[in-house]
């Protein structure tokens, strides 16, 4: 995925070998999406990566994913 236009993500060759990461963290943006696609919900992803649920939702929205709503 092209993260270059996402304001929440930085790409810096001196950080995590230039892999797109969430600003102010070492969390790879693709890891958020991959965890969601693998069945993790927003709350679980936020907890596992020590992020706010809002940030996780924003990353997923940029990636074109809509979180599943529990019934």
C-alpha atoms as a PDB file:
ATOM      1  CA  UNK A   1       0.000   0.000   0.000  1.00  0.00           C
ATOM      2  CA  UNK A   2       1.169   3.528  -0.722  1.00  0.00           C
ATOM      3  CA  UNK A   3       1.291   5.370   2.614  1.00  0.00           C
ATOM      4  CA  UNK A   4       3.088   8.435   1.244  1.00  0.00           C
ATOM      5  CA  UNK A   5      -0.009  10.650   1.355  1.00  0.00           C
ATOM      6  CA  UNK A   6      -1.167   9.578   4.825  1.00  0.00           C
ATOM      7  CA  UNK A   7      -0.422  12.307   7.382  1.00  0.00           C
ATOM      8  CA  UNK A   8      -0.348   9.720  10.170  1.00  0.00           C
ATOM      9  CA  UNK A   9       2.535   7.779   8.623  1.00  0.00           C
ATOM     10  CA  UNK A  10       6.189   8.602   8.121  1.00  0.00           C
ATOM     11  CA  UNK A  11       8.731   7.012   5.833  1.00  0.00           C
ATOM     12  CA  UNK A  12      12.283   7.639   6.955  1.00  0.00           C
ATOM     13  CA  UNK A  13      15.209   5.446   5.855  1.00  0.00           C
ATOM     14  CA  UNK A  14      16.763   5.959   9.301  1.00  0.00           C
ATOM     15  CA  UNK A  15      13.739   4.492  11.101  1.00  0.00           C
ATOM     16  CA  UNK A  16      12.787   0.808  10.777  1.00  0.00           C
ATOM     17  CA  UNK A  17      14.767   0.613   7.517  1.00  0.00           C
ATOM     18  CA  UNK A  18      12.389   3.008   5.770  1.00  0.00           C
ATOM     19  CA  UNK A  19       9.278   0.924   6.311  1.00  0.00           C
ATOM     20  CA  UNK A  20       6.153   3.115   6.662  1.00  0.00           C
ATOM     21  CA  UNK A  21       5.498   3.585  10.386  1.00  0.00           C
ATOM     22  CA  UNK A  22       2.965   5.508  12.431  1.00  0.00           C
ATOM     23  CA  UNK A  23       4.448   8.878  13.383  1.00  0.00           C
ATOM     24  CA  UNK A  24       5.987   8.900  16.835  1.00  0.00           C
ATOM     25  CA  UNK A  25       6.082   5.090  17.007  1.00  0.00           C
ATOM     26  CA  UNK A  26       7.916   2.152  15.502  1.00  0.00           C
ATOM     27  CA  UNK A  27       4.612   0.462  14.568  1.00  0.00           C
ATOM     28  CA  UNK A  28       4.451  -0.487  10.910  1.00  0.00           C
ATOM     29  CA  UNK A  29       1.339   0.850   9.200  1.00  0.00           C
ATOM     30  CA  UNK A  30       0.909  -2.403   7.273  1.00  0.00           C
ATOM     31  CA  UNK A  31       0.887  -4.352  10.548  1.00  0.00           C
ATOM     32  CA  UNK A  32      -2.309  -2.573  11.575  1.00  0.00           C
ATOM     33  CA  UNK A  33      -4.005  -3.521   8.316  1.00  0.00           C
ATOM     34  CA  UNK A  34      -2.664  -7.089   8.365  1.00  0.00           C
ATOM     35  CA  UNK A  35      -3.893  -7.649  11.916  1.00  0.00           C
ATOM     36  CA  UNK A  36      -7.338  -6.330  10.982  1.00  0.00           C
ATOM     37  CA  UNK A  37      -7.473  -8.500   7.864  1.00  0.00           C
ATOM     38  CA  UNK A  38      -6.407 -11.446  10.019  1.00  0.00           C
ATOM     39  CA  UNK A  39      -9.479 -11.059  12.198  1.00  0.00           C
ATOM     40  CA  UNK A  40      -8.331  -8.827  15.056  1.00  0.00           C
ATOM     41  CA  UNK A  41     -10.784  -6.111  16.045  1.00  0.00           C
ATOM     42  CA  UNK A  42      -9.898  -2.464  16.562  1.00  0.00           C
ATOM     43  CA  UNK A  43      -9.800  -2.716  20.353  1.00  0.00           C
ATOM     44  CA  UNK A  44      -7.428  -5.686  20.235  1.00  0.00           C
ATOM     45  CA  UNK A  45      -5.108  -4.004  17.704  1.00  0.00           C
ATOM     46  CA  UNK A  46      -5.012  -0.827  19.770  1.00  0.00           C
ATOM     47  CA  UNK A  47      -4.156  -2.785  22.897  1.00  0.00           C
ATOM     48  CA  UNK A  48      -1.524  -4.968  21.228  1.00  0.00           C
ATOM     49  CA  UNK A  49       0.323  -2.006  19.709  1.00  0.00           C
ATOM     50  CA  UNK A  50      -0.304   0.475  22.558  1.00  0.00           C
ATOM     51  CA  UNK A  51      -2.218   2.829  20.250  1.00  0.00           C
ATOM     52  CA  UNK A  52      -5.500   4.675  20.576  1.00  0.00           C
ATOM     53  CA  UNK A  53      -8.524   3.104  18.944  1.00  0.00           C
ATOM     54  CA  UNK A  54      -9.011   6.398  17.101  1.00  0.00           C
ATOM     55  CA  UNK A  55      -5.594   6.098  15.464  1.00  0.00           C
ATOM     56  CA  UNK A  56      -6.249   2.489  14.481  1.00  0.00           C
ATOM     57  CA  UNK A  57      -9.581   3.523  12.940  1.00  0.00           C
ATOM     58  CA  UNK A  58      -7.910   6.347  11.018  1.00  0.00           C
ATOM     59  CA  UNK A  59      -5.257   4.012   9.613  1.00  0.00           C
ATOM     60  CA  UNK A  60      -7.888   1.475   8.603  1.00  0.00           C
ATOM     61  CA  UNK A  61      -9.986   4.205   6.974  1.00  0.00           C
ATOM     62  CA  UNK A  62      -6.981   5.369   4.946  1.00  0.00           C
ATOM     63  CA  UNK A  63      -6.391   1.776   3.877  1.00  0.00           C
ATOM     64  CA  UNK A  64     -10.026   1.531   2.764  1.00  0.00           C
ATOM     65  CA  UNK A  65     -11.172  -0.853   5.477  1.00  0.00           C
ATOM     66  CA  UNK A  66     -14.301  -0.511   7.543  1.00  0.00           C
ATOM     67  CA  UNK A  67     -14.271  -2.103  11.009  1.00  0.00           C
ATOM     68  CA  UNK A  68     -16.824  -4.784  11.698  1.00  0.00           C
ATOM     69  CA  UNK A  69     -19.445  -3.718  14.226  1.00  0.00           C
ATOM     70  CA  UNK A  70     -20.239  -6.276  16.925  1.00  0.00           C
ATOM     71  CA  UNK A  71     -23.891  -7.219  17.070  1.00  0.00           C
END
